[in-house]
Amino acid sequence: MRVIMAMAAAMTLAGCAMLTAQTTLFAPGDQDGVFVLSQGLWAHREDDCKIDPATSAPEKKDCIDWVRVTREPDGAWRIVFIDEDDPPMRFVAVPAAKGDADALAPLYVAEVTSPKQEGPAYAALAPRGALRTPVTRVAMTVISCGPILRDAAMPDITVQRDGDRVVGCTALTKDGVREAARRAVIADLAQFGDTELVWVR
């Protein structure tokens, strides 16, 4: 499944083993002010997609997923899926790792909310390419329960099981989410970066 749509699906399908929380843990004020996305049209290509987004457009039915990214008045971000039935999503991006306060952090957590879901879900984001603001390339991975719990339980994350199967996990604290993001990237390190969203125009 395409990763951007996987996020949408995970936000709407009950029992999906993705990191969630009962309520939002982060606010726009938790953002570092450095991670600023280029607003406008962004593209995601499947691994086997050879089409250059710069030569394509949302109205062309090809292997590119399109989203529109804008800034909300309170500083949060808004994603609108183009040619999809999913409602717009809102997210804040907060540093998962400490770094120079005036520079982009190496890793961010996106706390994503949707009108279809009571609580948020989470993804790990890393700026790519020219590391300057505004950001025009972002690698991402959805934070799933299995990878982050593979090595050991996490004290700030509760786990929901169906027998031996993990069917969900819930973050209780900001630090728990940040640690989960770091674990998710380490677990996905070989492929992390293969999934990118790229600003087009």
Protein backbone atom coordinates (compact mmCIF):
# COMPACT_ATOMS: atom_id res chain seq x y z
CA MET A 1 0.00 0.00 0.00
CA ARG A 2 1.27 3.47 -0.76
CA VAL A 3 2.72 4.99 2.38
CA ILE A 4 0.75 8.24 2.35
CA MET A 5 -2.45 6.26 1.90
CA ALA A 6 -1.28 3.80 4.55
CA MET A 7 -1.31 6.69 7.00
CA ALA A 8 -4.85 7.58 5.95
CA ALA A 9 -5.97 3.97 6.20
CA ALA A 10 -4.36 3.50 9.59
CA MET A 11 -6.22 6.53 10.86
CA THR A 12 -9.57 5.06 9.86
CA LEU A 13 -9.27 1.29 10.28
CA ALA A 14 -9.97 -0.10 13.73
CA GLY A 15 -7.40 -2.51 15.12
CA CYS A 16 -4.52 -1.32 12.96
CA ALA A 17 -1.29 -1.90 14.89
CA MET A 18 -0.03 1.66 14.65
CA LEU A 19 1.12 3.93 17.46
CA THR A 20 -1.73 6.14 18.65
CA ALA A 21 -2.68 8.19 21.72
CA GLN A 22 -5.95 8.79 23.49
CA THR A 23 -5.63 12.52 22.93
CA THR A 24 -3.15 14.85 21.30
CA LEU A 25 0.12 15.08 23.21
CA PHE A 26 1.73 17.85 21.16
CA ALA A 27 0.62 21.36 20.25
CA PRO A 28 1.78 23.75 17.52
CA GLY A 29 3.85 25.53 20.18
CA ASP A 30 5.97 22.37 20.59
CA GLN A 31 7.30 22.78 17.05
CA ASP A 32 10.83 24.15 16.80
CA GLY A 33 10.09 26.89 14.28
CA VAL A 34 12.85 25.60 11.99
CA PHE A 35 10.96 22.76 10.34
CA VAL A 36 8.94 24.71 7.79
CA LEU A 37 7.55 22.92 4.75
CA SER A 38 7.18 24.48 1.32
CA GLN A 39 3.47 24.98 0.89
CA GLY A 40 1.77 23.70 -2.22
CA LEU A 41 1.68 20.48 -4.19
CA TRP A 42 3.69 17.47 -2.96
CA ALA A 43 4.17 14.09 -4.64
CA HIS A 44 4.89 10.56 -3.49
CA ARG A 45 6.11 7.95 -5.97
CA GLU A 46 5.94 4.21 -5.59
CA ASP A 47 9.35 2.49 -5.66
CA ASP A 48 8.79 1.27 -9.23
CA CYS A 49 7.39 4.58 -10.48
CA LYS A 50 9.71 6.16 -13.04
CA ILE A 51 7.64 9.26 -13.74
CA ASP A 52 9.14 12.61 -12.77
CA PRO A 53 6.58 14.54 -10.68
CA ALA A 54 7.76 17.75 -12.33
CA THR A 55 6.36 16.50 -15.64
CA SER A 56 3.12 15.14 -14.19
CA ALA A 57 0.03 16.62 -12.55
CA PRO A 58 -2.79 15.43 -10.24
CA GLU A 59 -5.23 15.12 -13.13
CA LYS A 60 -2.98 12.56 -14.84
CA LYS A 61 -3.79 9.04 -13.68
CA ASP A 62 -0.32 7.62 -13.11
CA CYS A 63 1.76 6.09 -10.30
CA ILE A 64 2.12 9.31 -8.27
CA ASP A 65 0.14 10.14 -5.13
CA TRP A 66 -0.58 13.84 -4.73
CA VAL A 67 -1.24 15.90 -1.61
CA ARG A 68 -1.54 19.62 -0.98
CA VAL A 69 0.23 20.98 2.11
CA THR A 70 -0.68 24.30 3.71
CA ARG A 71 -0.05 26.04 7.03
CA GLU A 72 -2.95 26.56 9.41
CA PRO A 73 -3.39 29.85 11.31
CA ASP A 74 -2.14 28.31 14.59
CA GLY A 75 1.04 26.99 12.97
CA ALA A 76 -0.03 23.38 12.45
CA TRP A 77 0.06 21.78 9.00
CA ARG A 78 -2.81 20.62 6.82
CA ILE A 79 -2.66 17.81 4.25
CA VAL A 80 -5.36 17.47 1.59
CA PHE A 81 -5.39 14.26 -0.43
CA ILE A 82 -6.01 14.95 -4.10
CA ASP A 83 -8.45 12.67 -5.93
CA GLU A 84 -9.05 10.61 -2.79
CA ASP A 85 -12.06 10.34 -0.50
CA ASP A 86 -10.09 10.76 2.72
CA PRO A 87 -10.72 13.99 4.63
CA PRO A 88 -7.91 16.49 5.21
CA MET A 89 -5.46 15.70 7.99
CA ARG A 90 -3.77 18.03 10.42
CA PHE A 91 -0.33 17.49 11.90
CA VAL A 92 2.38 19.09 13.97
CA ALA A 93 6.05 18.19 13.50
CA VAL A 94 8.20 18.21 16.62
CA PRO A 95 11.87 17.25 17.03
CA ALA A 96 12.43 13.63 18.03
CA ALA A 97 16.12 14.24 18.63
CA LYS A 98 17.91 17.22 20.10
CA GLY A 99 20.19 19.27 17.93
CA ASP A 100 21.17 22.85 17.18
CA ALA A 101 18.12 24.94 18.05
CA ASP A 102 18.71 27.10 14.98
CA ALA A 103 19.07 24.19 12.54
CA LEU A 104 16.84 21.40 11.30
CA ALA A 105 16.76 18.43 13.64
CA PRO A 106 17.78 15.08 12.10
CA LEU A 107 14.45 13.49 12.97
CA TYR A 108 10.92 14.73 13.66
CA VAL A 109 7.68 13.20 14.89
CA ALA A 110 4.48 14.03 13.04
CA GLU A 111 1.39 13.82 15.24
CA VAL A 112 -1.45 13.40 12.76
CA THR A 113 -5.13 13.89 13.46
CA SER A 114 -8.13 13.19 11.24
CA PRO A 115 -11.85 13.89 11.58
CA LYS A 116 -12.43 10.15 11.22
CA GLN A 117 -10.32 9.24 14.25
CA GLU A 118 -10.71 10.25 17.91
CA GLY A 119 -7.02 10.24 18.73
CA PRO A 120 -3.81 10.96 16.83
CA ALA A 121 -1.44 8.63 15.00
CA TYR A 122 2.28 9.10 14.49
CA ALA A 123 4.94 9.04 11.79
CA ALA A 124 8.69 9.70 11.82
CA LEU A 125 9.90 12.38 9.40
CA ALA A 126 13.41 13.32 8.31
CA PRO A 127 14.29 16.33 6.13
CA ARG A 128 16.28 15.27 3.07
CA GLY A 129 18.36 16.91 0.37
CA ALA A 130 19.44 20.49 1.00
CA LEU A 131 18.94 20.83 4.76
CA ARG A 132 17.47 24.28 4.81
CA THR A 133 14.11 25.91 5.33
CA PRO A 134 11.67 25.66 3.67
CA VAL A 135 11.93 21.88 3.45
CA THR A 136 11.19 20.40 0.01
CA ARG A 137 11.97 16.69 0.57
CA VAL A 138 10.86 14.54 3.49
CA ALA A 139 11.49 10.86 4.19
CA MET A 140 8.84 9.25 6.35
CA THR A 141 7.78 6.04 8.01
CA VAL A 142 4.60 5.25 9.88
CA ILE A 143 5.30 4.30 13.51
CA SER A 144 3.95 0.77 13.85
CA CYS A 145 3.71 -1.18 17.09
CA GLY A 146 5.65 -4.28 16.04
CA PRO A 147 8.98 -2.66 15.18
CA ILE A 148 9.08 -0.34 18.19
CA LEU A 149 8.31 -3.17 20.62
CA ARG A 150 10.58 -5.75 18.98
CA ASP A 151 13.49 -5.37 21.38
CA ALA A 152 11.72 -4.49 24.62
CA ALA A 153 8.58 -3.03 26.10
CA MET A 154 8.40 0.74 26.55
CA PRO A 155 7.22 2.13 29.90
CA ASP A 156 5.37 5.07 28.32
CA ILE A 157 3.48 2.92 25.80
CA THR A 158 0.66 0.53 26.61
CA VAL A 159 0.05 -2.45 24.34
CA GLN A 160 -3.27 -3.91 23.23
CA ARG A 161 -3.22 -7.62 22.37
CA ASP A 162 -5.51 -10.21 20.87
CA GLY A 163 -3.97 -13.34 22.29
CA ASP A 164 -0.32 -13.23 21.26
CA ARG A 165 -0.93 -10.71 18.49
CA VAL A 166 -0.30 -6.99 19.05
CA VAL A 167 -3.30 -5.10 17.67
CA GLY A 168 -2.44 -1.63 18.92
CA CYS A 169 -0.20 0.48 21.11
CA THR A 170 -0.95 3.76 22.87
CA ALA A 171 1.55 6.46 23.80
CA LEU A 172 1.13 8.08 27.21
CA THR A 173 3.80 10.78 27.04
CA LYS A 174 5.70 12.98 24.59
CA ASP A 175 8.95 11.25 25.48
CA GLY A 176 7.36 7.90 24.70
CA VAL A 177 6.44 9.10 21.22
CA ARG A 178 9.91 10.50 20.60
CA GLU A 179 11.57 7.25 21.62
CA ALA A 180 9.11 5.31 19.46
CA ALA A 181 10.08 7.46 16.47
CA ARG A 182 13.76 6.72 17.00
CA ARG A 183 13.06 2.99 17.31
CA ALA A 184 10.86 3.05 14.19
CA VAL A 185 13.62 4.60 12.10
CA ILE A 186 16.24 2.16 13.39
CA ALA A 187 13.93 -0.78 12.65
CA ASP A 188 13.31 0.57 9.13
CA LEU A 189 16.83 1.86 8.53
CA ALA A 190 17.54 -0.22 5.44
CA GLN A 191 14.45 1.18 3.69
CA PHE A 192 14.13 4.54 5.40
CA GLY A 193 14.55 7.18 2.75
CA ASP A 194 13.03 5.02 0.02
CA THR A 195 9.69 6.58 0.88
CA GLU A 196 9.79 10.29 0.20
CA LEU A 197 7.40 13.14 -0.27
CA VAL A 198 8.76 15.80 -2.61
CA TRP A 199 7.50 19.35 -3.11
CA VAL A 200 6.68 19.98 -6.76
CA ARG A 201 5.19 23.46 -7.02
